[in-house]
Amino acid sequence: MTVKELWDSALFHPVNEGDDMDREISKLFCCDLLSIAMSKAPAGCAWVTVMGNMNTLAVASLADAACVIMAEGAKLDPTAMNKAKIQGITVMETELPIFDAALLIHQRLSAERPS
């Protein structure tokens, strides 16, 4: 599944359309501890988190995440929103808990993989 396909799926509310919407989402990653995300988030992941500050976007960029999903009703603060726009990072939001949001993405990714 590409970032654009996730964006268009209406599973999550679109917040910022990034520069690489055709990028394949390779994995799913859930973490709210930025130091762990910085060292363990796989490149190309859809990162589900509740951390909506500028440091989250810096880590997303360093880890080469495909997109960021803000869960549990979390929002980017104004500084982070500006950084997402400047750096071309795709961000979506949902009121769903982290697990439920991640499960939706996992189900879509699993449906696309041959058995």
PDB file of N, CA and C in Angstrom:
ATOM      1  N   MET A   1       0.846  -1.167   0.000  1.00  0.00           N
ATOM      2  CA  MET A   1       0.000   0.000   0.000  1.00  0.00           C
ATOM      3  C   MET A   1       0.899   1.239   0.000  1.00  0.00           C
ATOM      4  N   THR A   2       0.515   2.212  -0.776  1.00  0.00           N
ATOM      5  CA  THR A   2       1.266   3.465  -0.795  1.00  0.00           C
ATOM      6  C   THR A   2       0.699   4.434   0.239  1.00  0.00           C
ATOM      7  N   VAL A   3       1.462   5.466   0.520  1.00  0.00           N
ATOM      8  CA  VAL A   3       0.988   6.517   1.414  1.00  0.00           C
ATOM      9  C   VAL A   3      -0.287   7.135   0.841  1.00  0.00           C
ATOM     10  N   LYS A   4      -0.322   7.342  -0.457  1.00  0.00           N
ATOM     11  CA  LYS A   4      -1.497   7.925  -1.122  1.00  0.00           C
ATOM     12  C   LYS A   4      -2.722   7.037  -0.948  1.00  0.00           C
ATOM     13  N   GLU A   5      -2.532   5.729  -1.064  1.00  0.00           N
ATOM     14  CA  GLU A   5      -3.658   4.807  -0.874  1.00  0.00           C
ATOM     15  C   GLU A   5      -4.181   4.873   0.556  1.00  0.00           C
ATOM     16  N   LEU A   6      -3.298   4.980   1.529  1.00  0.00           N
ATOM     17  CA  LEU A   6      -3.731   5.132   2.914  1.00  0.00           C
ATOM     18  C   LEU A   6      -4.432   6.471   3.093  1.00  0.00           C
ATOM     19  N   TRP A   7      -3.875   7.521   2.525  1.00  0.00           N
ATOM     20  CA  TRP A   7      -4.441   8.876   2.585  1.00  0.00           C
ATOM     21  C   TRP A   7      -5.868   8.879   2.015  1.00  0.00           C
ATOM     22  N   ASP A   8      -6.043   8.213   0.874  1.00  0.00           N
ATOM     23  CA  ASP A   8      -7.337   8.198   0.180  1.00  0.00           C
ATOM     24  C   ASP A   8      -8.335   7.206   0.778  1.00  0.00           C
ATOM     25  N   SER A   9      -7.877   6.347   1.672  1.00  0.00           N
ATOM     26  CA  SER A   9      -8.727   5.281   2.206  1.00  0.00           C
ATOM     27  C   SER A   9      -9.821   5.779   3.147  1.00  0.00           C
ATOM     28  N   ALA A  10      -9.709   6.993   3.621  1.00  0.00           N
ATOM     29  CA  ALA A  10     -10.656   7.580   4.580  1.00  0.00           C
ATOM     30  C   ALA A  10     -10.616   6.885   5.941  1.00  0.00           C
ATOM     31  N   LEU A  11      -9.559   6.098   6.194  1.00  0.00           N
ATOM     32  CA  LEU A  11      -9.391   5.513   7.522  1.00  0.00           C
ATOM     33  C   LEU A  11      -9.005   6.579   8.540  1.00  0.00           C
ATOM     34  N   PHE A  12      -8.265   7.576   8.076  1.00  0.00           N
ATOM     35  CA  PHE A  12      -7.745   8.622   8.954  1.00  0.00           C
ATOM     36  C   PHE A  12      -8.002   9.998   8.347  1.00  0.00           C
ATOM     37  N   HIS A  13      -8.019  10.999   9.205  1.00  0.00           N
ATOM     38  CA  HIS A  13      -8.226  12.372   8.754  1.00  0.00           C
ATOM     39  C   HIS A  13      -6.915  12.936   8.209  1.00  0.00           C
ATOM     40  N   PRO A  14      -6.898  13.415   6.967  1.00  0.00           N
ATOM     41  CA  PRO A  14      -5.675  13.987   6.406  1.00  0.00           C
ATOM     42  C   PRO A  14      -5.318  15.314   7.076  1.00  0.00           C
ATOM     43  N   VAL A  15      -4.037  15.495   7.388  1.00  0.00           N
ATOM     44  CA  VAL A  15      -3.567  16.716   8.035  1.00  0.00           C
ATOM     45  C   VAL A  15      -2.566  17.450   7.148  1.00  0.00           C
ATOM     46  N   ASN A  16      -1.546  16.742   6.700  1.00  0.00           N
ATOM     47  CA  ASN A  16      -0.535  17.348   5.827  1.00  0.00           C
ATOM     48  C   ASN A  16      -0.113  16.349   4.761  1.00  0.00           C
ATOM     49  N   GLU A  17      -0.319  16.728   3.505  1.00  0.00           N
ATOM     50  CA  GLU A  17       0.097  15.877   2.391  1.00  0.00           C
ATOM     51  C   GLU A  17       1.578  16.100   2.145  1.00  0.00           C
ATOM     52  N   GLY A  18       2.345  15.036   2.263  1.00  0.00           N
ATOM     53  CA  GLY A  18       3.795  15.124   2.111  1.00  0.00           C
ATOM     54  C   GLY A  18       4.241  15.079   0.668  1.00  0.00           C
ATOM     55  N   ASP A  19       5.549  15.047   0.493  1.00  0.00           N
ATOM     56  CA  ASP A  19       6.162  15.095  -0.832  1.00  0.00           C
ATOM     57  C   ASP A  19       6.203  13.752  -1.551  1.00  0.00           C
ATOM     58  N   ASP A  20       6.115  12.637  -0.822  1.00  0.00           N
ATOM     59  CA  ASP A  20       6.306  11.326  -1.446  1.00  0.00           C
ATOM     60  C   ASP A  20       5.085  10.441  -1.235  1.00  0.00           C
ATOM     61  N   MET A  21       3.973  10.827  -1.825  1.00  0.00           N
ATOM     62  CA  MET A  21       2.723  10.102  -1.634  1.00  0.00           C
ATOM     63  C   MET A  21       2.713   8.736  -2.329  1.00  0.00           C
ATOM     64  N   ASP A  22       3.612   8.528  -3.279  1.00  0.00           N
ATOM     65  CA  ASP A  22       3.686   7.241  -3.983  1.00  0.00           C
ATOM     66  C   ASP A  22       4.581   6.233  -3.272  1.00  0.00           C
ATOM     67  N   ARG A  23       5.111   6.612  -2.142  1.00  0.00           N
ATOM     68  CA  ARG A  23       6.010   5.729  -1.398  1.00  0.00           C
ATOM     69  C   ARG A  23       5.248   4.543  -0.820  1.00  0.00           C
ATOM     70  N   GLU A  24       5.852   3.367  -0.933  1.00  0.00           N
ATOM     71  CA  GLU A  24       5.264   2.163  -0.358  1.00  0.00           C
ATOM     72  C   GLU A  24       5.441   2.171   1.160  1.00  0.00           C
ATOM     73  N   ILE A  25       4.386   1.812   1.864  1.00  0.00           N
ATOM     74  CA  ILE A  25       4.474   1.611   3.308  1.00  0.00           C
ATOM     75  C   ILE A  25       4.938   0.169   3.496  1.00  0.00           C
ATOM     76  N   SER A  26       6.113   0.015   4.062  1.00  0.00           N
ATOM     77  CA  SER A  26       6.707  -1.313   4.174  1.00  0.00           C
ATOM     78  C   SER A  26       6.350  -2.024   5.470  1.00  0.00           C
ATOM     79  N   LYS A  27       6.162  -1.261   6.526  1.00  0.00           N
ATOM     80  CA  LYS A  27       5.915  -1.838   7.846  1.00  0.00           C
ATOM     81  C   LYS A  27       5.076  -0.873   8.653  1.00  0.00           C
ATOM     82  N   LEU A  28       4.757  -1.316   9.838  1.00  0.00           N
ATOM     83  CA  LEU A  28       4.002  -0.528  10.791  1.00  0.00           C
ATOM     84  C   LEU A  28       4.859  -0.373  12.035  1.00  0.00           C
ATOM     85  N   PHE A  29       4.802   0.805  12.663  1.00  0.00           N
ATOM     86  CA  PHE A  29       5.590   1.029  13.870  1.00  0.00           C
ATOM     87  C   PHE A  29       4.758   1.842  14.850  1.00  0.00           C
ATOM     88  N   CYS A  30       4.714   1.406  16.104  1.00  0.00           N
ATOM     89  CA  CYS A  30       3.992   2.105  17.162  1.00  0.00           C
ATOM     90  C   CYS A  30       4.956   2.380  18.299  1.00  0.00           C
ATOM     91  N   CYS A  31       5.088   3.656  18.654  1.00  0.00           N
ATOM     92  CA  CYS A  31       5.983   4.011  19.745  1.00  0.00           C
ATOM     93  C   CYS A  31       5.792   5.479  20.082  1.00  0.00           C
ATOM     94  N   ASP A  32       5.819   5.798  21.368  1.00  0.00           N
ATOM     95  CA  ASP A  32       5.728   7.184  21.805  1.00  0.00           C
ATOM     96  C   ASP A  32       7.010   7.675  22.464  1.00  0.00           C
ATOM     97  N   LEU A  33       7.981   6.829  22.601  1.00  0.00           N
ATOM     98  CA  LEU A  33       9.256   7.222  23.171  1.00  0.00           C
ATOM     99  C   LEU A  33      10.196   7.544  22.013  1.00  0.00           C
ATOM    100  N   LEU A  34      10.499   8.817  21.851  1.00  0.00           N
ATOM    101  CA  LEU A  34      11.223   9.265  20.665  1.00  0.00           C
ATOM    102  C   LEU A  34      12.612   8.657  20.541  1.00  0.00           C
ATOM    103  N   SER A  35      13.291   8.425  21.641  1.00  0.00           N
ATOM    104  CA  SER A  35      14.632   7.837  21.571  1.00  0.00           C
ATOM    105  C   SER A  35      14.572   6.409  21.020  1.00  0.00           C
ATOM    106  N   ILE A  36      13.536   5.677  21.366  1.00  0.00           N
ATOM    107  CA  ILE A  36      13.382   4.327  20.832  1.00  0.00           C
ATOM    108  C   ILE A  36      12.970   4.403  19.360  1.00  0.00           C
ATOM    109  N   ALA A  37      12.054   5.281  19.045  1.00  0.00           N
ATOM    110  CA  ALA A  37      11.625   5.432  17.648  1.00  0.00           C
ATOM    111  C   ALA A  37      12.805   5.813  16.758  1.00  0.00           C
ATOM    112  N   MET A  38      13.685   6.652  17.264  1.00  0.00           N
ATOM    113  CA  MET A  38      14.835   7.086  16.477  1.00  0.00           C
ATOM    114  C   MET A  38      15.745   5.908  16.117  1.00  0.00           C
ATOM    115  N   SER A  39      15.852   4.947  17.016  1.00  0.00           N
ATOM    116  CA  SER A  39      16.770   3.831  16.764  1.00  0.00           C
ATOM    117  C   SER A  39      16.083   2.597  16.176  1.00  0.00           C
ATOM    118  N   LYS A  40      14.756   2.501  16.290  1.00  0.00           N
ATOM    119  CA  LYS A  40      14.103   1.250  15.891  1.00  0.00           C
ATOM    120  C   LYS A  40      13.042   1.383  14.808  1.00  0.00           C
ATOM    121  N   ALA A  41      12.581   2.584  14.506  1.00  0.00           N
ATOM    122  CA  ALA A  41      11.552   2.720  13.470  1.00  0.00           C
ATOM    123  C   ALA A  41      12.141   2.329  12.116  1.00  0.00           C
ATOM    124  N   PRO A  42      11.519   1.379  11.432  1.00  0.00           N
ATOM    125  CA  PRO A  42      12.064   0.953  10.136  1.00  0.00           C
ATOM    126  C   PRO A  42      11.766   1.983   9.044  1.00  0.00           C
ATOM    127  N   ALA A  43      12.694   2.134   8.128  1.00  0.00           N
ATOM    128  CA  ALA A  43      12.478   3.019   6.984  1.00  0.00           C
ATOM    129  C   ALA A  43      11.232   2.562   6.235  1.00  0.00           C
ATOM    130  N   GLY A  44      10.433   3.514   5.806  1.00  0.00           N
ATOM    131  CA  GLY A  44       9.226   3.204   5.056  1.00  0.00           C
ATOM    132  C   GLY A  44       8.029   2.835   5.906  1.00  0.00           C
ATOM    133  N   CYS A  45       8.142   2.989   7.223  1.00  0.00           N
ATOM    134  CA  CYS A  45       7.039   2.598   8.100  1.00  0.00           C
ATOM    135  C   CYS A  45       5.946   3.661   8.150  1.00  0.00           C
ATOM    136  N   ALA A  46       4.758   3.211   8.524  1.00  0.00           N
ATOM    137  CA  ALA A  46       3.690   4.097   8.959  1.00  0.00           C
ATOM    138  C   ALA A  46       3.823   4.128  10.477  1.00  0.00           C
ATOM    139  N   TRP A  47       4.169   5.288  11.016  1.00  0.00           N
ATOM    140  CA  TRP A  47       4.439   5.419  12.452  1.00  0.00           C
ATOM    141  C   TRP A  47       3.196   5.956  13.137  1.00  0.00           C
ATOM    142  N   VAL A  48       2.650   5.182  14.080  1.00  0.00           N
ATOM    143  CA  VAL A  48       1.475   5.575  14.844  1.00  0.00           C
ATOM    144  C   VAL A  48       1.945   6.025  16.221  1.00  0.00           C
ATOM    145  N   THR A  49       1.568   7.259  16.594  1.00  0.00           N
ATOM    146  CA  THR A  49       2.039   7.843  17.851  1.00  0.00           C
ATOM    147  C   THR A  49       1.024   8.861  18.377  1.00  0.00           C
ATOM    148  N   VAL A  50       1.239   9.313  19.602  1.00  0.00           N
ATOM    149  CA  VAL A  50       0.447  10.412  20.161  1.00  0.00           C
ATOM    150  C   VAL A  50       1.308  11.660  20.381  1.00  0.00           C
ATOM    151  N   MET A  51       2.563  11.567  20.024  1.00  0.00           N
ATOM    152  CA  MET A  51       3.491  12.678  20.228  1.00  0.00           C
ATOM    153  C   MET A  51       3.387  13.663  19.065  1.00  0.00           C
ATOM    154  N   GLY A  52       2.846  14.845  19.334  1.00  0.00           N
ATOM    155  CA  GLY A  52       2.581  15.798  18.262  1.00  0.00           C
ATOM    156  C   GLY A  52       3.476  17.015  18.266  1.00  0.00           C
ATOM    157  N   ASN A  53       4.717  16.845  18.633  1.00  0.00           N
ATOM    158  CA  ASN A  53       5.609  18.010  18.658  1.00  0.00           C
ATOM    159  C   ASN A  53       6.651  17.945  17.548  1.00  0.00           C
ATOM    160  N   MET A  54       7.438  18.987  17.458  1.00  0.00           N
ATOM    161  CA  MET A  54       8.430  19.110  16.396  1.00  0.00           C
ATOM    162  C   MET A  54       9.453  17.976  16.431  1.00  0.00           C
ATOM    163  N   ASN A  55       9.791  17.488  17.615  1.00  0.00           N
ATOM    164  CA  ASN A  55      10.766  16.404  17.728  1.00  0.00           C
ATOM    165  C   ASN A  55      10.269  15.120  17.066  1.00  0.00           C
ATOM    166  N   THR A  56       8.963  14.894  17.091  1.00  0.00           N
ATOM    167  CA  THR A  56       8.394  13.718  16.434  1.00  0.00           C
ATOM    168  C   THR A  56       8.689  13.766  14.941  1.00  0.00           C
ATOM    169  N   LEU A  57       8.535  14.933  14.342  1.00  0.00           N
ATOM    170  CA  LEU A  57       8.786  15.051  12.909  1.00  0.00           C
ATOM    171  C   LEU A  57      10.266  14.941  12.589  1.00  0.00           C
ATOM    172  N   ALA A  58      11.112  15.424  13.486  1.00  0.00           N
ATOM    173  CA  ALA A  58      12.553  15.265  13.291  1.00  0.00           C
ATOM    174  C   ALA A  58      12.917  13.781  13.304  1.00  0.00           C
ATOM    175  N   VAL A  59      12.332  13.027  14.223  1.00  0.00           N
ATOM    176  CA  VAL A  59      12.597  11.593  14.296  1.00  0.00           C
ATOM    177  C   VAL A  59      12.020  10.887  13.067  1.00  0.00           C
ATOM    178  N   ALA A  60      10.833  11.278  12.641  1.00  0.00           N
ATOM    179  CA  ALA A  60      10.239  10.676  11.436  1.00  0.00           C
ATOM    180  C   ALA A  60      11.147  10.878  10.235  1.00  0.00           C
ATOM    181  N   SER A  61      11.728  12.051  10.148  1.00  0.00           N
ATOM    182  CA  SER A  61      12.638  12.349   9.043  1.00  0.00           C
ATOM    183  C   SER A  61      13.926  11.531   9.160  1.00  0.00           C
ATOM    184  N   LEU A  62      14.512  11.490  10.350  1.00  0.00           N
ATOM    185  CA  LEU A  62      15.737  10.715  10.564  1.00  0.00           C
ATOM    186  C   LEU A  62      15.533   9.223  10.316  1.00  0.00           C
ATOM    187  N   ALA A  63      14.387   8.710  10.751  1.00  0.00           N
ATOM    188  CA  ALA A  63      14.101   7.286  10.603  1.00  0.00           C
ATOM    189  C   ALA A  63      13.594   6.949   9.198  1.00  0.00           C
ATOM    190  N   ASP A  64      13.320   7.967   8.409  1.00  0.00           N
ATOM    191  CA  ASP A  64      12.819   7.795   7.045  1.00  0.00           C
ATOM    192  C   ASP A  64      11.450   7.112   7.035  1.00  0.00           C
ATOM    193  N   ALA A  65      10.581   7.515   7.983  1.00  0.00           N
ATOM    194  CA  ALA A  65       9.216   6.986   8.031  1.00  0.00           C
ATOM    195  C   ALA A  65       8.445   7.453   6.787  1.00  0.00           C
ATOM    196  N   ALA A  66       7.562   6.613   6.294  1.00  0.00           N
ATOM    197  CA  ALA A  66       6.758   6.972   5.122  1.00  0.00           C
ATOM    198  C   ALA A  66       5.684   7.988   5.482  1.00  0.00           C
ATOM    199  N   CYS A  67       5.138   7.878   6.707  1.00  0.00           N
ATOM    200  CA  CYS A  67       4.106   8.806   7.163  1.00  0.00           C
ATOM    201  C   CYS A  67       3.951   8.678   8.674  1.00  0.00           C
ATOM    202  N   VAL A  68       3.247   9.639   9.247  1.00  0.00           N
ATOM    203  CA  VAL A  68       2.981   9.651  10.683  1.00  0.00           C
ATOM    204  C   VAL A  68       1.470   9.696  10.871  1.00  0.00           C
ATOM    205  N   ILE A  69       0.960   8.832  11.759  1.00  0.00           N
ATOM    206  CA  ILE A  69      -0.451   8.822  12.118  1.00  0.00           C
ATOM    207  C   ILE A  69      -0.546   9.257  13.573  1.00  0.00           C
ATOM    208  N   MET A  70      -1.221  10.364  13.802  1.00  0.00           N
ATOM    209  CA  MET A  70      -1.455  10.850  15.164  1.00  0.00           C
ATOM    210  C   MET A  70      -2.713  10.164  15.683  1.00  0.00           C
ATOM    211  N   ALA A  71      -2.588   9.371  16.753  1.00  0.00           N
ATOM    212  CA  ALA A  71      -3.708   8.595  17.291  1.00  0.00           C
ATOM    213  C   ALA A  71      -4.266   9.241  18.562  1.00  0.00           C
ATOM    214  N   GLU A  72      -5.384   8.690  19.040  1.00  0.00           N
ATOM    215  CA  GLU A  72      -6.005   9.083  20.307  1.00  0.00           C
ATOM    216  C   GLU A  72      -6.427  10.550  20.332  1.00  0.00           C
ATOM    217  N   GLY A  73      -6.674  11.130  19.163  1.00  0.00           N
ATOM    218  CA  GLY A  73      -7.081  12.537  19.097  1.00  0.00           C
ATOM    219  C   GLY A  73      -5.932  13.518  19.241  1.00  0.00           C
ATOM    220  N   ALA A  74      -4.707  13.014  19.267  1.00  0.00           N
ATOM    221  CA  ALA A  74      -3.538  13.900  19.382  1.00  0.00           C
ATOM    222  C   ALA A  74      -3.409  14.726  18.105  1.00  0.00           C
ATOM    223  N   LYS A  75      -2.916  15.938  18.266  1.00  0.00           N
ATOM    224  CA  LYS A  75      -2.745  16.859  17.149  1.00  0.00           C
ATOM    225  C   LYS A  75      -1.315  17.369  17.125  1.00  0.00           C
ATOM    226  N   LEU A  76      -0.866  17.737  15.938  1.00  0.00           N
ATOM    227  CA  LEU A  76       0.423  18.430  15.844  1.00  0.00           C
ATOM    228  C   LEU A  76       0.268  19.822  16.429  1.00  0.00           C
ATOM    229  N   ASP A  77       1.251  20.253  17.205  1.00  0.00           N
ATOM    230  CA  ASP A  77       1.222  21.641  17.653  1.00  0.00           C
ATOM    231  C   ASP A  77       1.568  22.533  16.454  1.00  0.00           C
ATOM    232  N   PRO A  78       1.322  23.844  16.541  1.00  0.00           N
ATOM    233  CA  PRO A  78       1.543  24.720  15.379  1.00  0.00           C
ATOM    234  C   PRO A  78       2.969  24.682  14.827  1.00  0.00           C
ATOM    235  N   THR A  79       3.963  24.581  15.689  1.00  0.00           N
ATOM    236  CA  THR A  79       5.350  24.508  15.228  1.00  0.00           C
ATOM    237  C   THR A  79       5.588  23.220  14.454  1.00  0.00           C
ATOM    238  N   ALA A  80       5.035  22.120  14.956  1.00  0.00           N
ATOM    239  CA  ALA A  80       5.184  20.835  14.282  1.00  0.00           C
ATOM    240  C   ALA A  80       4.447  20.829  12.940  1.00  0.00           C
ATOM    241  N   MET A  81       3.277  21.449  12.896  1.00  0.00           N
ATOM    242  CA  MET A  81       2.533  21.513  11.633  1.00  0.00           C
ATOM    243  C   MET A  81       3.348  22.250  10.580  1.00  0.00           C
ATOM    244  N   ASN A  82       3.956  23.338  10.971  1.00  0.00           N
ATOM    245  CA  ASN A  82       4.800  24.099  10.043  1.00  0.00           C
ATOM    246  C   ASN A  82       5.987  23.258   9.570  1.00  0.00           C
ATOM    247  N   LYS A  83       6.588  22.512  10.496  1.00  0.00           N
ATOM    248  CA  LYS A  83       7.730  21.655  10.135  1.00  0.00           C
ATOM    249  C   LYS A  83       7.295  20.549   9.168  1.00  0.00           C
ATOM    250  N   ALA A  84       6.115  19.980   9.385  1.00  0.00           N
ATOM    251  CA  ALA A  84       5.607  18.941   8.478  1.00  0.00           C
ATOM    252  C   ALA A  84       5.456  19.502   7.069  1.00  0.00           C
ATOM    253  N   LYS A  85       4.953  20.719   6.968  1.00  0.00           N
ATOM    254  CA  LYS A  85       4.778  21.357   5.659  1.00  0.00           C
ATOM    255  C   LYS A  85       6.123  21.627   4.996  1.00  0.00           C
ATOM    256  N   ILE A  86       7.053  22.171   5.760  1.00  0.00           N
ATOM    257  CA  ILE A  86       8.375  22.509   5.215  1.00  0.00           C
ATOM    258  C   ILE A  86       9.125  21.254   4.774  1.00  0.00           C
ATOM    259  N   GLN A  87       9.057  20.198   5.579  1.00  0.00           N
ATOM    260  CA  GLN A  87       9.818  18.982   5.282  1.00  0.00           C
ATOM    261  C   GLN A  87       9.062  17.974   4.418  1.00  0.00           C
ATOM    262  N   GLY A  88       7.823  18.280   4.080  1.00  0.00           N
ATOM    263  CA  GLY A  88       7.061  17.384   3.214  1.00  0.00           C
ATOM    264  C   GLY A  88       6.736  16.048   3.835  1.00  0.00           C
ATOM    265  N   ILE A  89       6.396  16.048   5.129  1.00  0.00           N
ATOM    266  CA  ILE A  89       6.077  14.812   5.847  1.00  0.00           C
ATOM    267  C   ILE A  89       4.561  14.627   5.864  1.00  0.00           C
ATOM    268  N   THR A  90       4.109  13.462   5.439  1.00  0.00           N
ATOM    269  CA  THR A  90       2.675  13.163   5.440  1.00  0.00           C
ATOM    270  C   THR A  90       2.228  12.835   6.857  1.00  0.00           C
ATOM    271  N   VAL A  91       1.167  13.536   7.291  1.00  0.00           N
ATOM    272  CA  VAL A  91       0.624  13.330   8.634  1.00  0.00           C
ATOM    273  C   VAL A  91      -0.887  13.160   8.528  1.00  0.00           C
ATOM    274  N   MET A  92      -1.401  12.169   9.263  1.00  0.00           N
ATOM    275  CA  MET A  92      -2.837  11.929   9.367  1.00  0.00           C
ATOM    276  C   MET A  92      -3.208  11.834  10.843  1.00  0.00           C
ATOM    277  N   GLU A  93      -4.499  11.986  11.132  1.00  0.00           N
ATOM    278  CA  GLU A  93      -4.981  11.936  12.519  1.00  0.00           C
ATOM    279  C   GLU A  93      -6.149  10.963  12.637  1.00  0.00           C
ATOM    280  N   THR A  94      -6.334  10.478  13.863  1.00  0.00           N
ATOM    281  CA  THR A  94      -7.492   9.653  14.185  1.00  0.00           C
ATOM    282  C   THR A  94      -7.813   9.771  15.666  1.00  0.00           C
ATOM    283  N   GLU A  95      -9.064   9.555  16.004  1.00  0.00           N
ATOM    284  CA  GLU A  95      -9.477   9.500  17.403  1.00  0.00           C
ATOM    285  C   GLU A  95      -9.248   8.098  17.976  1.00  0.00           C
ATOM    286  N   LEU A  96      -8.961   7.148  17.105  1.00  0.00           N
ATOM    287  CA  LEU A  96      -8.769   5.764  17.549  1.00  0.00           C
ATOM    288  C   LEU A  96      -7.557   5.617  18.458  1.00  0.00           C
ATOM    289  N   PRO A  97      -7.597   4.646  19.374  1.00  0.00           N
ATOM    290  CA  PRO A  97      -6.404   4.325  20.148  1.00  0.00           C
ATOM    291  C   PRO A  97      -5.288   3.847  19.214  1.00  0.00           C
ATOM    292  N   ILE A  98      -4.066   3.926  19.692  1.00  0.00           N
ATOM    293  CA  ILE A  98      -2.908   3.535  18.887  1.00  0.00           C
ATOM    294  C   ILE A  98      -3.069   2.117  18.333  1.00  0.00           C
ATOM    295  N   PHE A  99      -3.438   1.173  19.184  1.00  0.00           N
ATOM    296  CA  PHE A  99      -3.563  -0.214  18.741  1.00  0.00           C
ATOM    297  C   PHE A  99      -4.576  -0.347  17.618  1.00  0.00           C
ATOM    298  N   ASP A 100      -5.744   0.257  17.787  1.00  0.00           N
ATOM    299  CA  ASP A 100      -6.801   0.137  16.780  1.00  0.00           C
ATOM    300  C   ASP A 100      -6.392   0.774  15.452  1.00  0.00           C
ATOM    301  N   ALA A 101      -5.735   1.915  15.520  1.00  0.00           N
ATOM    302  CA  ALA A 101      -5.257   2.575  14.297  1.00  0.00           C
ATOM    303  C   ALA A 101      -4.227   1.692  13.598  1.00  0.00           C
ATOM    304  N   ALA A 102      -3.308   1.157  14.373  1.00  0.00           N
ATOM    305  CA  ALA A 102      -2.275   0.283  13.803  1.00  0.00           C
ATOM    306  C   ALA A 102      -2.892  -0.986  13.222  1.00  0.00           C
ATOM    307  N   LEU A 103      -3.891  -1.523  13.882  1.00  0.00           N
ATOM    308  CA  LEU A 103      -4.547  -2.736  13.393  1.00  0.00           C
ATOM    309  C   LEU A 103      -5.195  -2.502  12.026  1.00  0.00           C
ATOM    310  N   LEU A 104      -5.810  -1.353  11.831  1.00  0.00           N
ATOM    311  CA  LEU A 104      -6.406  -1.038  10.527  1.00  0.00           C
ATOM    312  C   LEU A 104      -5.353  -1.039   9.421  1.00  0.00           C
ATOM    313  N   ILE A 105      -4.212  -0.431   9.710  1.00  0.00           N
ATOM    314  CA  ILE A 105      -3.131  -0.398   8.715  1.00  0.00           C
ATOM    315  C   ILE A 105      -2.593  -1.808   8.483  1.00  0.00           C
ATOM    316  N   HIS A 106      -2.386  -2.537   9.563  1.00  0.00           N
ATOM    317  CA  HIS A 106      -1.883  -3.916   9.458  1.00  0.00           C
ATOM    318  C   HIS A 106      -2.812  -4.767   8.581  1.00  0.00           C
ATOM    319  N   GLN A 107      -4.111  -4.638   8.796  1.00  0.00           N
ATOM    320  CA  GLN A 107      -5.068  -5.421   8.013  1.00  0.00           C
ATOM    321  C   GLN A 107      -4.980  -5.074   6.532  1.00  0.00           C
ATOM    322  N   ARG A 108      -4.817  -3.797   6.223  1.00  0.00           N
ATOM    323  CA  ARG A 108      -4.686  -3.388   4.815  1.00  0.00           C
ATOM    324  C   ARG A 108      -3.389  -3.928   4.210  1.00  0.00           C
ATOM    325  N   LEU A 109      -2.300  -3.824   4.968  1.00  0.00           N
ATOM    326  CA  LEU A 109      -1.027  -4.340   4.472  1.00  0.00           C
ATOM    327  C   LEU A 109      -1.084  -5.854   4.286  1.00  0.00           C
ATOM    328  N   SER A 110      -1.695  -6.558   5.218  1.00  0.00           N
ATOM    329  CA  SER A 110      -1.775  -8.021   5.145  1.00  0.00           C
ATOM    330  C   SER A 110      -2.653  -8.477   3.980  1.00  0.00           C
ATOM    331  N   ALA A 111      -3.696  -7.727   3.693  1.00  0.00           N
ATOM    332  CA  ALA A 111      -4.599  -8.087   2.595  1.00  0.00           C
ATOM    333  C   ALA A 111      -3.894  -8.000   1.240  1.00  0.00           C
ATOM    334  N   GLU A 112      -2.870  -7.157   1.162  1.00  0.00           N
ATOM    335  CA  GLU A 112      -2.148  -6.973  -0.099  1.00  0.00           C
ATOM    336  C   GLU A 112      -1.050  -8.002  -0.300  1.00  0.00           C
ATOM    337  N   ARG A 113      -0.618  -8.641   0.762  1.00  0.00           N
ATOM    338  CA  ARG A 113       0.473  -9.612   0.655  1.00  0.00           C
ATOM    339  C   ARG A 113      -0.077 -10.975   0.284  1.00  0.00           C
ATOM    340  N   PRO A 114       0.538 -11.641  -0.667  1.00  0.00           N
ATOM    341  CA  PRO A 114       0.077 -12.991  -1.014  1.00  0.00           C
ATOM    342  C   PRO A 114       0.314 -13.965   0.129  1.00  0.00           C
ATOM    343  N   SER A 115      -0.582 -14.904   0.290  1.00  0.00           N
ATOM    344  CA  SER A 115      -0.461 -15.902   1.364  1.00  0.00           C
ATOM    345  C   SER A 115       0.585 -16.937   1.050  1.00  0.00           C
TER     346      SER A 115
END
